[in-house]
């Protein structure tokens, strides 16, 4: 597994990929409390994108 991939994604026991929501760390002062709260936790990558992510995980390129 590529190091860049392993830093950003986690694979669950059932094979789904989890990722962190974007824009959590920087420029939070101009975001509302609801936006900040909704970005907590991880989200699951959709099945449509799963093939591309798995190709990147193993080969390092997307065809």
Protein backbone atom coordinates (compact mmCIF):
# COMPACT_ATOMS: atom_id res chain seq x y z
CA UNK A 1 0.00 0.00 0.00
CA UNK A 2 1.29 3.42 -0.88
CA UNK A 3 2.22 5.68 2.03
CA UNK A 4 0.15 8.60 0.73
CA UNK A 5 -2.88 6.34 0.43
CA UNK A 6 -2.50 4.85 3.89
CA UNK A 7 -2.32 8.31 5.46
CA UNK A 8 -5.63 9.44 3.94
CA UNK A 9 -7.80 6.33 3.80
CA UNK A 10 -8.66 3.45 6.11
CA UNK A 11 -10.19 0.19 4.97
CA UNK A 12 -12.92 -1.31 7.13
CA UNK A 13 -13.29 -4.99 7.90
CA UNK A 14 -15.99 -5.33 5.25
CA UNK A 15 -13.78 -3.68 2.58
CA UNK A 16 -15.27 -0.19 2.50
CA UNK A 17 -12.95 2.82 2.38
CA UNK A 18 -13.24 5.57 4.97
CA UNK A 19 -11.89 9.07 4.49
CA UNK A 20 -11.76 12.24 6.53
CA UNK A 21 -13.92 15.20 5.55
CA UNK A 22 -12.06 18.06 3.92
CA UNK A 23 -11.60 21.60 5.26
CA UNK A 24 -11.57 20.74 8.96
CA UNK A 25 -8.33 22.35 10.08
CA UNK A 26 -7.78 25.69 8.39
CA UNK A 27 -9.95 28.81 8.11
CA UNK A 28 -12.52 27.68 10.66
CA UNK A 29 -13.27 31.16 11.99
CA UNK A 30 -15.55 32.06 9.10
CA UNK A 31 -17.50 28.75 9.24
CA UNK A 32 -20.65 28.29 11.26
CA UNK A 33 -20.86 25.86 14.15
CA UNK A 34 -23.13 23.59 12.12
CA UNK A 35 -20.57 23.31 9.32
CA UNK A 36 -17.80 22.46 11.78
CA UNK A 37 -19.91 19.85 13.58
CA UNK A 38 -21.05 18.21 10.35
CA UNK A 39 -17.46 17.67 9.24
CA UNK A 40 -16.60 15.61 12.32
CA UNK A 41 -16.11 11.91 11.86
CA UNK A 42 -15.28 9.96 8.74
CA UNK A 43 -17.29 9.41 5.61
CA UNK A 44 -17.48 6.34 3.39
CA UNK A 45 -16.33 6.46 -0.22
CA UNK A 46 -19.10 5.64 -2.66
CA UNK A 47 -19.09 2.42 -4.69
CA UNK A 48 -18.81 4.40 -7.93
CA UNK A 49 -15.37 5.72 -6.96
CA UNK A 50 -14.16 2.54 -5.25
CA UNK A 51 -12.52 1.03 -8.37
CA UNK A 52 -10.39 4.12 -8.99
CA UNK A 53 -9.29 4.29 -5.36
CA UNK A 54 -8.32 0.63 -5.27
CA UNK A 55 -6.28 1.00 -8.46
CA UNK A 56 -4.43 3.94 -6.92
CA UNK A 57 -3.86 1.95 -3.76
CA UNK A 58 -2.07 -0.87 -5.55
CA UNK A 59 -0.55 0.50 -8.76
CA UNK A 60 -0.19 4.18 -8.06
CA UNK A 61 -1.99 5.36 -11.18
CA UNK A 62 -5.52 5.57 -12.44
CA UNK A 63 -6.32 4.49 -15.98
